[in-house]
Amino acid sequence: MSLTAAYRLGARLFWQDKAMVFGSVVTPVGLAVGIPVLMRHVMPEGVAAATTIFHGMLALLLSITAFMNITVTLTARRDQLILKRLRSTSLTDGQILLGQIAGTATQAMAMIVLCTVAVRVLADVPLPADPLGFAAVTVAGSLVLSLLGAAYSAAVPRAELAAPFTMPVFLLAGVSAGAMGPIPLPDRLGQALDLLPTTAVVDAVRTGGLAGPFLVLAGWTVVGLAAVRLWFRWEPRRS
């Protein structure tokens, strides 16, 4: 079995899970497209309001389609002993995880592209002024959030708790990126939330600056790799 086969297996298992598809595709796309369209028609600022909200929605897209998706998936496959069985094949541990991370990041990127086109058509939100920069930062963000979600799965005791365990990340991502509207925050808390990987992606999209956001994403990559190496669990805890 090759890395490509692991990638395809992960994708096939994902699309066969109707509940996962609904939670990780239908719901975030509905939010990321529906709310900007609503803002376009009800807010006096019109397109400007829709654009600001959509940029914030990118944080929610990443937190759901990348972070939550892979956390829920790996926790379920761990409890079902699928990960344990995969380790008995010719695949290395790194190939198994890389296939899952790459598959999740690909799905997240597809959702971002879909939503970007949809809000352009339905809410007149302008396309990115720098398409290559937009692609680079969203690809990097998708990979980093998928890596962090894989690491975070170690903290989830069992599969049915995976989604609730990711809710704090979802809320923090939304608040820090302005996806829930302007929320006054203490200066120190705001500065801390600016260091979130989702906020880095949104800042890059809004300002066009890439150096700072990529530095933040690089730091989170180191954290994610270290956490996976130290704490990732391939089997459920024994009672």
Protein backbone atom coordinates (compact mmCIF):
# COMPACT_ATOMS: atom_id res chain seq x y z
CA MET A 1 0.00 0.00 0.00
CA SER A 2 1.34 3.43 -0.96
CA LEU A 3 0.85 6.94 0.36
CA THR A 4 -1.51 7.60 -2.55
CA ALA A 5 -3.58 4.59 -1.52
CA ALA A 6 -3.79 5.91 2.05
CA TYR A 7 -4.94 9.27 0.69
CA ARG A 8 -7.64 7.63 -1.44
CA LEU A 9 -8.77 5.38 1.41
CA GLY A 10 -9.22 8.36 3.72
CA ALA A 11 -11.18 10.26 1.08
CA ARG A 12 -13.42 7.28 0.34
CA LEU A 13 -14.20 6.66 4.00
CA PHE A 14 -14.99 10.36 4.47
CA TRP A 15 -17.45 10.64 1.58
CA GLN A 16 -19.19 7.43 2.65
CA ASP A 17 -19.96 8.93 6.07
CA LYS A 18 -23.12 11.00 5.48
CA ALA A 19 -23.06 12.58 8.94
CA MET A 20 -19.46 13.69 8.46
CA VAL A 21 -20.19 15.11 5.02
CA PHE A 22 -23.11 17.10 6.39
CA GLY A 23 -21.16 18.45 9.36
CA SER A 24 -17.91 19.15 7.50
CA VAL A 25 -19.20 20.24 4.09
CA VAL A 26 -22.87 21.27 4.01
CA THR A 27 -22.92 23.21 7.29
CA PRO A 28 -19.72 25.29 6.85
CA VAL A 29 -20.46 26.05 3.19
CA GLY A 30 -23.98 27.14 4.14
CA LEU A 31 -22.59 29.49 6.80
CA ALA A 32 -19.72 30.84 4.72
CA VAL A 33 -21.97 31.63 1.76
CA GLY A 34 -25.31 32.33 3.39
CA ILE A 35 -24.20 34.92 5.95
CA PRO A 36 -22.25 37.13 3.49
CA VAL A 37 -25.20 36.98 1.07
CA LEU A 38 -27.49 38.07 3.91
CA MET A 39 -25.14 40.90 4.89
CA ARG A 40 -25.00 42.03 1.27
CA HIS A 41 -28.74 42.67 1.25
CA VAL A 42 -29.50 43.85 4.78
CA MET A 43 -26.50 45.99 5.76
CA PRO A 44 -26.12 49.58 4.54
CA GLU A 45 -22.48 48.88 3.62
CA GLY A 46 -23.62 46.13 1.25
CA VAL A 47 -20.65 44.58 -0.54
CA ALA A 48 -18.14 45.91 2.01
CA ALA A 49 -20.00 44.24 4.87
CA ALA A 50 -20.32 40.99 2.93
CA THR A 51 -16.59 41.03 2.12
CA THR A 52 -15.56 41.64 5.73
CA ILE A 53 -17.81 38.87 7.01
CA PHE A 54 -16.68 36.42 4.34
CA HIS A 55 -13.03 36.97 5.17
CA GLY A 56 -13.85 36.22 8.80
CA MET A 57 -15.79 33.15 7.68
CA LEU A 58 -12.58 31.71 6.27
CA ALA A 59 -11.52 31.10 9.88
CA LEU A 60 -14.71 29.12 10.52
CA LEU A 61 -14.25 27.18 7.29
CA LEU A 62 -10.76 26.17 8.35
CA SER A 63 -11.78 25.32 11.90
CA ILE A 64 -14.59 23.05 10.67
CA THR A 65 -13.40 21.55 7.38
CA ALA A 66 -9.79 21.06 8.50
CA PHE A 67 -9.43 21.05 12.29
CA MET A 68 -12.76 19.55 13.37
CA ASN A 69 -12.96 17.21 10.40
CA ILE A 70 -9.65 15.49 11.04
CA THR A 71 -10.10 15.43 14.82
CA VAL A 72 -13.46 13.66 14.50
CA THR A 73 -12.20 11.34 11.75
CA LEU A 74 -9.02 10.20 13.47
CA THR A 75 -10.77 9.74 16.81
CA ALA A 76 -13.44 7.58 15.19
CA ARG A 77 -10.90 5.50 13.26
CA ARG A 78 -8.79 5.11 16.38
CA ASP A 79 -11.77 3.80 18.36
CA GLN A 80 -12.78 1.51 15.48
CA LEU A 81 -9.21 0.15 15.42
CA ILE A 82 -8.82 1.18 11.78
CA LEU A 83 -5.60 3.03 12.57
CA LYS A 84 -4.24 -0.03 14.36
CA ARG A 85 -4.97 -2.20 11.34
CA LEU A 86 -3.36 0.30 8.98
CA ARG A 87 -0.17 0.11 11.02
CA SER A 88 0.03 -3.61 10.23
CA THR A 89 0.33 -2.82 6.52
CA SER A 90 3.46 -1.68 4.68
CA LEU A 91 2.62 1.95 5.38
CA THR A 92 4.74 3.83 7.89
CA ASP A 93 3.12 5.86 10.67
CA GLY A 94 4.12 9.02 8.87
CA GLN A 95 2.51 7.92 5.62
CA ILE A 96 -0.76 7.08 7.36
CA LEU A 97 -0.96 10.47 9.03
CA LEU A 98 0.30 12.37 5.99
CA GLY A 99 -2.33 10.73 3.80
CA GLN A 100 -5.07 11.76 6.23
CA ILE A 101 -3.73 15.30 6.65
CA ALA A 102 -3.33 15.79 2.91
CA GLY A 103 -6.83 14.46 2.23
CA THR A 104 -8.40 16.73 4.84
CA ALA A 105 -6.46 19.76 3.63
CA THR A 106 -7.56 19.06 0.05
CA GLN A 107 -11.20 18.98 1.13
CA ALA A 108 -10.78 22.21 3.09
CA MET A 109 -9.21 23.95 0.09
CA ALA A 110 -12.00 22.75 -2.18
CA MET A 111 -14.58 24.24 0.19
CA ILE A 112 -12.71 27.56 0.33
CA VAL A 113 -12.56 27.78 -3.47
CA LEU A 114 -16.23 26.85 -3.76
CA CYS A 115 -17.28 29.48 -1.22
CA THR A 116 -15.04 32.15 -2.75
CA VAL A 117 -16.67 31.67 -6.14
CA ALA A 118 -20.16 31.43 -4.62
CA VAL A 119 -19.95 34.71 -2.70
CA ARG A 120 -18.56 36.41 -5.79
CA VAL A 121 -21.61 35.32 -7.79
CA LEU A 122 -24.25 35.74 -5.07
CA ALA A 123 -22.95 38.69 -3.00
CA ASP A 124 -20.53 40.51 -5.33
CA VAL A 125 -17.64 39.86 -2.94
CA PRO A 126 -14.51 40.65 -4.99
CA LEU A 127 -12.12 37.86 -5.85
CA PRO A 128 -8.67 38.00 -4.19
CA ALA A 129 -6.46 40.72 -5.65
CA ASP A 130 -3.46 38.38 -5.37
CA PRO A 131 -4.70 34.90 -6.38
CA LEU A 132 -1.32 33.24 -5.87
CA GLY A 133 -0.90 34.73 -2.40
CA PHE A 134 -4.47 33.75 -1.52
CA ALA A 135 -3.85 30.20 -2.72
CA ALA A 136 -0.55 29.93 -0.86
CA VAL A 137 -1.87 31.12 2.50
CA THR A 138 -5.09 29.09 2.34
CA VAL A 139 -3.22 25.92 1.34
CA ALA A 140 -0.76 26.49 4.19
CA GLY A 141 -3.60 27.22 6.60
CA SER A 142 -5.47 24.08 5.57
CA LEU A 143 -2.39 21.92 6.10
CA VAL A 144 -1.52 23.50 9.46
CA LEU A 145 -5.08 23.24 10.80
CA SER A 146 -5.25 19.61 9.66
CA LEU A 147 -1.95 18.87 11.40
CA LEU A 148 -3.12 20.56 14.60
CA GLY A 149 -6.42 18.66 14.45
CA ALA A 150 -4.52 15.38 14.18
CA ALA A 151 -2.49 16.31 17.24
CA TYR A 152 -5.59 17.46 19.13
CA SER A 153 -7.29 14.08 18.61
CA ALA A 154 -5.02 12.71 21.34
CA ALA A 155 -6.91 14.87 23.88
CA VAL A 156 -10.31 13.44 22.91
CA PRO A 157 -11.18 10.45 25.12
CA ARG A 158 -13.66 8.81 22.72
CA ALA A 159 -15.24 9.38 19.32
CA GLU A 160 -18.63 10.69 20.44
CA LEU A 161 -16.93 13.57 22.28
CA ALA A 162 -14.76 14.69 19.36
CA ALA A 163 -17.14 17.31 17.95
CA PRO A 164 -17.89 18.96 21.33
CA PHE A 165 -14.16 19.01 22.12
CA THR A 166 -13.51 21.08 19.00
CA MET A 167 -16.16 23.72 19.76
CA PRO A 168 -13.83 25.99 21.78
CA VAL A 169 -11.48 26.15 18.79
CA PHE A 170 -14.40 26.98 16.50
CA LEU A 171 -15.58 29.79 18.79
CA LEU A 172 -12.11 31.27 19.31
CA ALA A 173 -11.44 31.20 15.58
CA GLY A 174 -14.72 32.97 14.84
CA VAL A 175 -14.30 35.64 17.50
CA SER A 176 -10.68 36.42 16.66
CA ALA A 177 -11.34 36.74 12.91
CA GLY A 178 -14.50 38.82 13.23
CA ALA A 179 -16.76 36.15 11.74
CA MET A 180 -19.30 36.87 14.47
CA GLY A 181 -19.16 40.62 14.07
CA PRO A 182 -17.06 43.15 16.00
CA ILE A 183 -16.66 41.92 19.59
CA PRO A 184 -14.70 44.16 22.00
CA LEU A 185 -11.85 42.20 23.59
CA PRO A 186 -9.23 43.12 26.20
CA ASP A 187 -5.99 44.16 24.52
CA ARG A 188 -3.96 41.21 25.78
CA LEU A 189 -6.62 38.70 24.81
CA GLY A 190 -6.90 40.26 21.36
CA GLN A 191 -3.14 40.10 20.91
CA ALA A 192 -3.11 36.45 21.94
CA LEU A 193 -5.93 35.57 19.54
CA ASP A 194 -4.04 37.32 16.73
CA LEU A 195 -1.50 34.49 17.00
CA LEU A 196 -4.04 31.82 16.09
CA PRO A 197 -3.38 30.15 12.72
CA THR A 198 -6.90 30.94 11.53
CA THR A 199 -6.42 34.62 12.32
CA ALA A 200 -3.11 34.60 10.44
CA VAL A 201 -4.85 33.31 7.31
CA VAL A 202 -7.63 35.90 7.56
CA ASP A 203 -5.14 38.73 8.14
CA ALA A 204 -3.17 37.69 5.05
CA VAL A 205 -6.32 37.64 2.92
CA ARG A 206 -7.50 41.03 4.22
CA THR A 207 -4.20 42.90 4.07
CA GLY A 208 -2.25 41.06 1.39
CA GLY A 209 0.75 40.78 3.70
CA LEU A 210 2.22 37.27 3.79
CA ALA A 211 5.42 37.44 5.84
CA GLY A 212 3.84 37.74 9.30
CA PRO A 213 1.05 35.19 8.69
CA PHE A 214 3.48 32.63 7.27
CA LEU A 215 5.74 33.10 10.30
CA VAL A 216 2.75 32.39 12.59
CA LEU A 217 1.80 29.31 10.54
CA ALA A 218 5.40 28.07 10.64
CA GLY A 219 5.38 28.33 14.43
CA TRP A 220 2.14 26.34 14.66
CA THR A 221 3.60 23.73 12.30
CA VAL A 222 6.44 23.13 14.75
CA VAL A 223 3.94 22.87 17.61
CA GLY A 224 1.76 20.44 15.67
CA LEU A 225 4.62 18.18 14.62
CA ALA A 226 5.97 18.04 18.17
CA ALA A 227 2.52 17.29 19.61
CA VAL A 228 1.85 14.50 17.11
CA ARG A 229 5.23 12.94 17.82
CA LEU A 230 4.75 13.06 21.60
CA TRP A 231 1.07 12.37 22.16
CA PHE A 232 -0.75 10.98 19.10
CA ARG A 233 -2.64 7.80 20.00
CA TRP A 234 -3.14 4.94 17.54
CA GLU A 235 -5.41 2.88 19.80
CA PRO A 236 -8.17 3.72 22.30
CA ARG A 237 -7.23 3.87 25.94
CA ARG A 238 -7.77 0.66 27.80
CA SER A 239 -10.43 0.86 30.52
